[in-house]
Amino acid sequence: MSSIAKPQETTSGKICFKRILVGIDFSEPSRRALAYAILLARRYGSEIRMLCATPPEPHGSIPLDPLPGELNRRQLQAKAEAQKLEQETGFREVRHAIEIMAGDVPEVMASVIDRDRIDLLVVGTCARRGLKRLALGSVAEQAVRLASCPVLTVGPLVRHPETGTMFKSILFATDFGAASTRAFSLALEIAEEYKAKLGLVHMLPPISFADIGPGSHGAAASEKDLVTWHKQLREESVKKLKALIPPAGRLAGEPVYIVETNFLPDGILDAAAVHSSDLIVMGANQTHSPRMAAHLPWTVLHEVMRQARCPILTVKEPAIAGSN
């Protein structure tokens, strides 16, 4: 199923989202993700490729060859749902195609991204609690870790996008690592493209006396040292944030620089709420095991995706040699 039409709207900016892949399972979260993808496609003249990955049919006691497509119940159901989705969705001249494949969702997504040279992956996420979340991890986070392109995740608290300007306020969260460096370039380009207010945030971890050692004159000196050290760290972080802004930028206004002391991810989420952010941009640090990282529900990325009230755009750092 596909439809090719002339793009309704294009942009002359530096961002290149020619091909957008949307993970579809026909749930409400994936429909919200598709709504964001359609607005982006109209903005950038992109083609949307929707992907539904279905688990393989369970094997019986006697090994059998894979079922042909016309006999695979899950694929037949997915095709029917895909036809219904295409009829209900207002693509309005947005080029689009739907593909149904069998296999593990994150791995299928990663293979299609590489095969079709996808520029952006858009996925919806749903809330999971307790042992189920601990055991299964997050499909969306696995996709973030495995995908070779930027990933836009639309979490369970994010509403459907409005038809007007999507991104009026953008928050870039950084730890000054390799992934954050790559993510900032995209955050800056989007802020310039949408003429959005840009906020740059860096969270300092809470500091204790043990972090700086005992003062030379007892507890009072240690407390003074603690305040001095914290002030110095904050000033250095603000300088680093300001140094990210190029002198010849095209931002609509002066960026906001936010350096606070707070635990992650609370600091990022609080800053997004205070500044009414429509988009959070952050780096996704590489690990030697993307699957294992996705199974840790206390990771910063997982919690930000789960609790944020706006979409999260993540950019991965260059691959680590030997990583999965």
Protein backbone atom coordinates (compact mmCIF):
# COMPACT_ATOMS: atom_id res chain seq x y z
CA MET A 1 0.00 0.00 0.00
CA SER A 2 1.51 3.29 -1.03
CA SER A 3 0.66 6.71 -2.25
CA ILE A 4 3.05 9.05 -3.98
CA ALA A 5 2.09 12.71 -4.31
CA LYS A 6 3.72 16.09 -4.57
CA PRO A 7 4.84 17.35 -1.13
CA GLN A 8 2.57 20.07 0.20
CA GLU A 9 5.21 22.00 2.06
CA THR A 10 9.00 22.16 1.94
CA THR A 11 11.74 23.96 3.81
CA SER A 12 14.99 25.52 2.69
CA GLY A 13 16.80 24.79 5.95
CA LYS A 14 19.79 22.50 6.52
CA ILE A 15 17.76 19.66 8.07
CA CYS A 16 17.31 16.69 5.77
CA PHE A 17 14.42 14.41 6.71
CA LYS A 18 13.78 12.95 3.27
CA ARG A 19 12.69 9.57 4.59
CA ILE A 20 10.82 9.20 7.90
CA LEU A 21 10.15 5.75 9.33
CA VAL A 22 7.23 5.34 11.76
CA GLY A 23 6.84 2.26 13.93
CA ILE A 24 3.19 1.22 13.79
CA ASP A 25 1.31 -1.30 15.93
CA PHE A 26 -2.09 0.43 15.44
CA SER A 27 -2.24 1.45 19.10
CA GLU A 28 -3.03 4.97 20.29
CA PRO A 29 0.66 5.75 21.05
CA SER A 30 1.70 4.78 17.53
CA ARG A 31 -1.13 6.89 16.06
CA ARG A 32 0.15 9.91 18.00
CA ALA A 33 3.63 9.22 16.67
CA LEU A 34 2.24 9.05 13.13
CA ALA A 35 0.49 12.40 13.63
CA TYR A 36 3.85 14.03 14.48
CA ALA A 37 5.51 12.31 11.53
CA ILE A 38 2.87 13.64 9.13
CA LEU A 39 3.37 17.24 10.30
CA LEU A 40 7.13 16.86 9.94
CA ALA A 41 6.71 15.35 6.48
CA ARG A 42 4.59 18.30 5.38
CA ARG A 43 7.22 20.68 6.70
CA TYR A 44 10.17 18.99 5.05
CA GLY A 45 8.57 17.41 1.98
CA SER A 46 9.39 13.95 3.34
CA GLU A 47 8.20 10.48 2.47
CA ILE A 48 6.71 8.52 5.36
CA ARG A 49 7.38 4.80 5.56
CA MET A 50 5.25 3.03 8.14
CA LEU A 51 6.54 -0.27 9.48
CA CYS A 52 4.53 -2.89 11.32
CA ALA A 53 6.71 -5.68 12.74
CA THR A 54 4.78 -8.81 13.70
CA PRO A 55 6.23 -11.58 15.87
CA PRO A 56 6.73 -14.89 14.04
CA GLU A 57 3.96 -17.47 14.39
CA PRO A 58 4.68 -19.87 17.32
CA HIS A 59 6.19 -23.18 16.26
CA GLY A 60 4.51 -26.47 17.08
CA SER A 61 6.25 -29.59 18.35
CA ILE A 62 7.14 -30.55 14.76
CA PRO A 63 9.35 -28.01 12.93
CA LEU A 64 7.51 -26.49 10.01
CA ASP A 65 8.49 -24.13 7.23
CA PRO A 66 7.39 -20.51 7.71
CA LEU A 67 3.77 -19.96 6.80
CA PRO A 68 3.13 -18.19 3.51
CA GLY A 69 1.89 -14.63 3.86
CA GLU A 70 -1.71 -15.48 2.95
CA LEU A 71 -1.87 -18.04 5.79
CA ASN A 72 -0.06 -16.05 8.51
CA ARG A 73 -2.84 -14.84 10.78
CA ARG A 74 -0.84 -12.03 12.33
CA GLN A 75 0.22 -10.64 8.99
CA LEU A 76 -3.33 -10.89 7.63
CA GLN A 77 -4.64 -8.98 10.64
CA ALA A 78 -1.89 -6.39 10.29
CA LYS A 79 -2.73 -5.86 6.61
CA ALA A 80 -6.39 -5.29 7.49
CA GLU A 81 -5.43 -2.83 10.23
CA ALA A 82 -3.02 -1.07 7.87
CA GLN A 83 -5.76 -0.57 5.26
CA LYS A 84 -8.04 0.87 7.92
CA LEU A 85 -5.30 3.17 9.23
CA GLU A 86 -4.55 4.47 5.75
CA GLN A 87 -8.23 5.27 5.18
CA GLU A 88 -8.65 7.02 8.53
CA THR A 89 -5.45 9.07 8.48
CA GLY A 90 -5.37 12.44 6.77
CA PHE A 91 -2.12 12.14 4.82
CA ARG A 92 -3.23 14.94 2.45
CA GLU A 93 -0.65 14.61 -0.32
CA VAL A 94 2.07 13.28 1.99
CA ARG A 95 3.95 10.51 0.24
CA HIS A 96 3.62 7.33 2.25
CA ALA A 97 3.94 3.56 2.18
CA ILE A 98 3.19 0.76 4.64
CA GLU A 99 5.34 -2.35 5.07
CA ILE A 100 4.57 -5.39 7.22
CA MET A 101 7.47 -7.60 8.29
CA ALA A 102 7.89 -10.49 10.72
CA GLY A 103 10.52 -10.30 13.41
CA ASP A 104 11.71 -8.62 16.60
CA VAL A 105 10.48 -5.01 16.50
CA PRO A 106 13.71 -3.07 17.32
CA GLU A 107 15.86 -5.30 15.11
CA VAL A 108 13.43 -5.07 12.18
CA MET A 109 13.38 -1.28 12.58
CA ALA A 110 17.18 -1.11 12.63
CA SER A 111 17.46 -3.23 9.48
CA VAL A 112 14.91 -1.12 7.58
CA ILE A 113 16.68 2.09 8.68
CA ASP A 114 19.94 0.83 7.20
CA ARG A 115 18.31 -0.68 4.11
CA ASP A 116 16.28 2.40 3.17
CA ARG A 117 18.70 5.04 4.50
CA ILE A 118 16.08 6.46 6.86
CA ASP A 119 16.76 9.97 8.18
CA LEU A 120 14.40 9.92 11.19
CA LEU A 121 12.63 7.19 13.17
CA VAL A 122 9.39 8.14 14.96
CA VAL A 123 7.97 5.78 17.61
CA GLY A 124 5.24 5.98 20.21
CA THR A 125 5.78 4.66 23.72
CA CYS A 126 3.39 3.44 26.39
CA ALA A 127 3.73 3.42 30.17
CA ARG A 128 4.78 0.20 31.84
CA ARG A 129 4.97 -0.45 35.54
CA GLY A 130 6.46 -2.85 38.02
CA LEU A 131 8.03 -6.19 37.16
CA LYS A 132 6.74 -6.19 33.59
CA ARG A 133 8.72 -3.06 32.82
CA LEU A 134 11.76 -4.42 34.61
CA ALA A 135 11.64 -7.74 32.75
CA LEU A 136 10.74 -6.51 29.27
CA GLY A 137 12.48 -3.17 29.15
CA SER A 138 11.35 -0.57 26.62
CA VAL A 139 10.93 -1.35 22.93
CA ALA A 140 11.23 2.35 22.22
CA GLU A 141 14.51 2.63 24.09
CA GLN A 142 15.88 -0.43 22.32
CA ALA A 143 14.99 1.29 19.05
CA VAL A 144 16.83 4.43 20.20
CA ARG A 145 19.92 2.40 21.06
CA LEU A 146 19.90 0.31 17.88
CA ALA A 147 18.85 2.92 15.31
CA SER A 148 21.60 4.60 13.33
CA CYS A 149 19.48 7.74 12.75
CA PRO A 150 17.91 10.28 15.13
CA VAL A 151 14.79 9.00 16.91
CA LEU A 152 11.68 10.98 17.90
CA THR A 153 9.80 9.26 20.72
CA VAL A 154 6.25 10.27 21.59
CA GLY A 155 5.58 9.23 25.18
CA PRO A 156 2.36 8.25 26.98
CA LEU A 157 1.80 11.77 28.38
CA VAL A 158 2.22 13.54 25.02
CA ARG A 159 -0.95 14.76 23.36
CA HIS A 160 -1.71 14.80 19.64
CA PRO A 161 0.12 17.69 17.96
CA GLU A 162 -1.79 20.81 17.04
CA THR A 163 -2.04 21.86 13.41
CA GLY A 164 -0.05 25.08 13.97
CA THR A 165 3.65 25.41 14.67
CA MET A 166 4.75 22.29 16.51
CA PHE A 167 7.92 23.47 18.17
CA LYS A 168 7.76 26.93 19.77
CA SER A 169 10.06 26.10 22.66
CA ILE A 170 12.92 23.59 22.47
CA LEU A 171 14.99 22.30 25.38
CA PHE A 172 18.43 20.85 24.73
CA ALA A 173 19.77 18.74 27.60
CA THR A 174 23.50 18.05 27.63
CA ASP A 175 26.17 16.29 29.64
CA PHE A 176 28.81 17.68 27.21
CA GLY A 177 29.51 14.16 25.91
CA ALA A 178 29.93 12.94 22.32
CA ALA A 179 26.23 12.16 21.87
CA SER A 180 25.23 15.58 23.17
CA THR A 181 27.57 17.28 20.74
CA ARG A 182 25.87 15.60 17.79
CA ALA A 183 22.42 16.23 19.25
CA PHE A 184 23.04 19.96 19.65
CA SER A 185 23.60 20.50 15.93
CA LEU A 186 20.13 19.12 15.25
CA ALA A 187 18.56 21.04 18.14
CA LEU A 188 20.03 24.29 16.82
CA GLU A 189 18.85 23.64 13.26
CA ILE A 190 15.30 22.85 14.40
CA ALA A 191 15.19 25.93 16.63
CA GLU A 192 16.33 28.09 13.70
CA GLU A 193 13.88 26.44 11.31
CA TYR A 194 10.87 26.89 13.61
CA LYS A 195 12.04 30.22 15.02
CA ALA A 196 11.64 28.62 18.42
CA LYS A 197 12.89 29.71 21.82
CA LEU A 198 15.95 27.57 22.65
CA GLY A 199 16.87 26.54 26.17
CA LEU A 200 20.15 24.79 27.01
CA VAL A 201 20.18 22.83 30.25
CA HIS A 202 22.93 21.07 32.17
CA MET A 203 22.31 19.39 35.50
CA LEU A 204 24.98 19.35 38.18
CA PRO A 205 24.72 16.37 40.52
CA PRO A 206 24.15 17.24 44.18
CA ILE A 207 27.48 17.70 45.96
CA SER A 208 28.33 16.60 49.49
CA PHE A 209 31.26 17.29 51.81
CA ALA A 210 32.65 13.88 50.89
CA ASP A 211 33.04 15.01 47.28
CA ILE A 212 35.45 17.82 48.14
CA GLY A 213 37.07 16.43 51.29
CA PRO A 214 37.31 18.05 54.76
CA GLY A 215 38.08 21.75 54.97
CA SER A 216 41.26 22.99 56.56
CA HIS A 217 39.37 24.62 59.44
CA GLY A 218 36.56 22.20 60.26
CA ALA A 219 32.91 22.01 59.24
CA ALA A 220 32.46 25.75 58.66
CA ALA A 221 35.33 25.83 56.18
CA SER A 222 33.98 22.71 54.45
CA GLU A 223 30.60 24.35 54.00
CA LYS A 224 32.24 27.44 52.55
CA ASP A 225 34.33 25.25 50.23
CA LEU A 226 31.19 23.44 49.12
CA VAL A 227 29.41 26.68 48.18
CA THR A 228 32.50 28.01 46.39
CA TRP A 229 33.02 24.80 44.45
CA HIS A 230 29.37 24.65 43.42
CA LYS A 231 29.45 28.26 42.22
CA GLN A 232 32.59 27.57 40.22
CA LEU A 233 31.08 24.49 38.59
CA ARG A 234 27.94 26.41 37.68
CA GLU A 235 29.90 29.29 36.11
CA GLU A 236 32.02 26.85 34.09
CA SER A 237 28.90 25.04 32.86
CA VAL A 238 27.21 28.26 31.78
CA LYS A 239 30.35 29.20 29.81
CA LYS A 240 30.31 25.80 28.10
CA LEU A 241 26.64 26.22 27.17
CA LYS A 242 27.20 29.70 25.76
CA ALA A 243 30.20 28.47 23.76
CA LEU A 244 27.91 26.06 21.89
CA ILE A 245 26.05 28.92 20.17
CA PRO A 246 27.75 29.90 16.89
CA PRO A 247 28.36 33.64 16.41
CA ALA A 248 26.55 33.65 13.05
CA GLY A 249 23.47 31.74 14.20
CA ARG A 250 19.93 32.37 12.97
CA LEU A 251 18.07 31.99 16.26
CA ALA A 252 14.95 34.10 16.71
CA GLY A 253 16.05 35.22 20.18
CA GLU A 254 18.69 34.91 22.87
CA PRO A 255 18.93 31.34 24.22
CA VAL A 256 18.14 30.56 27.84
CA TYR A 257 20.98 28.93 29.80
CA ILE A 258 19.92 26.66 32.66
CA VAL A 259 22.38 25.13 35.10
CA GLU A 260 20.81 23.63 38.20
CA THR A 261 21.67 21.11 40.88
CA ASN A 262 19.30 18.18 40.65
CA PHE A 263 19.16 14.46 40.09
CA LEU A 264 18.54 13.18 36.58
CA PRO A 265 16.02 12.85 35.03
CA ASP A 266 14.04 15.10 37.39
CA GLY A 267 16.09 18.16 36.49
CA ILE A 268 15.43 17.77 32.76
CA LEU A 269 11.72 17.16 33.26
CA ASP A 270 11.39 20.12 35.66
CA ALA A 271 13.18 22.44 33.22
CA ALA A 272 10.92 21.28 30.39
CA ALA A 273 7.84 22.00 32.49
CA VAL A 274 9.03 25.45 33.62
CA HIS A 275 9.85 26.52 30.06
CA SER A 276 6.77 24.88 28.46
CA SER A 277 8.99 22.93 26.10
CA ASP A 278 7.43 21.42 22.97
CA LEU A 279 10.49 19.27 22.25
CA ILE A 280 13.39 17.89 24.30
CA VAL A 281 16.61 17.09 22.43
CA MET A 282 19.28 14.96 24.07
CA GLY A 283 22.08 12.55 23.27
CA ALA A 284 21.77 8.79 23.69
CA ASN A 285 25.08 7.51 25.00
CA GLN A 286 26.40 4.31 23.49
CA THR A 287 26.88 1.15 25.52
CA HIS A 288 28.50 -2.16 24.67
CA SER A 289 25.06 -3.79 24.96
CA PRO A 290 22.13 -1.72 23.65
CA ARG A 291 19.71 -4.45 24.68
CA MET A 292 20.96 -4.49 28.27
CA ALA A 293 20.80 -0.70 28.50
CA ALA A 294 17.17 -0.81 27.39
CA HIS A 295 16.35 -3.24 30.22
CA LEU A 296 17.37 -0.78 32.94
CA PRO A 297 14.18 1.17 33.80
CA TRP A 298 16.08 3.65 35.97
CA THR A 299 18.19 5.00 33.12
CA VAL A 300 17.81 8.70 32.41
CA LEU A 301 16.65 8.19 28.86
CA HIS A 302 13.96 5.70 29.84
CA GLU A 303 12.53 7.92 32.56
CA VAL A 304 12.54 11.08 30.42
CA MET A 305 10.71 9.24 27.62
CA ARG A 306 8.19 7.81 30.09
CA GLN A 307 7.41 11.04 31.97
CA ALA A 308 7.88 13.87 29.47
CA ARG A 309 4.82 15.77 28.24
CA CYS A 310 6.48 16.58 24.92
CA PRO A 311 8.30 14.46 22.31
CA ILE A 312 11.95 13.51 22.84
CA LEU A 313 14.46 13.69 19.99
CA THR A 314 17.53 11.58 20.67
CA VAL A 315 20.77 11.41 18.71
CA LYS A 316 23.23 8.60 19.25
CA GLU A 317 26.98 9.09 19.54
CA PRO A 318 29.33 7.37 17.06
CA ALA A 319 29.31 3.61 17.42
CA ILE A 320 31.74 1.99 19.83
CA ALA A 321 34.01 -0.56 18.20
CA GLY A 322 32.72 -4.03 18.95
CA SER A 323 29.33 -2.83 20.27
CA ASN A 324 26.15 -4.72 19.45
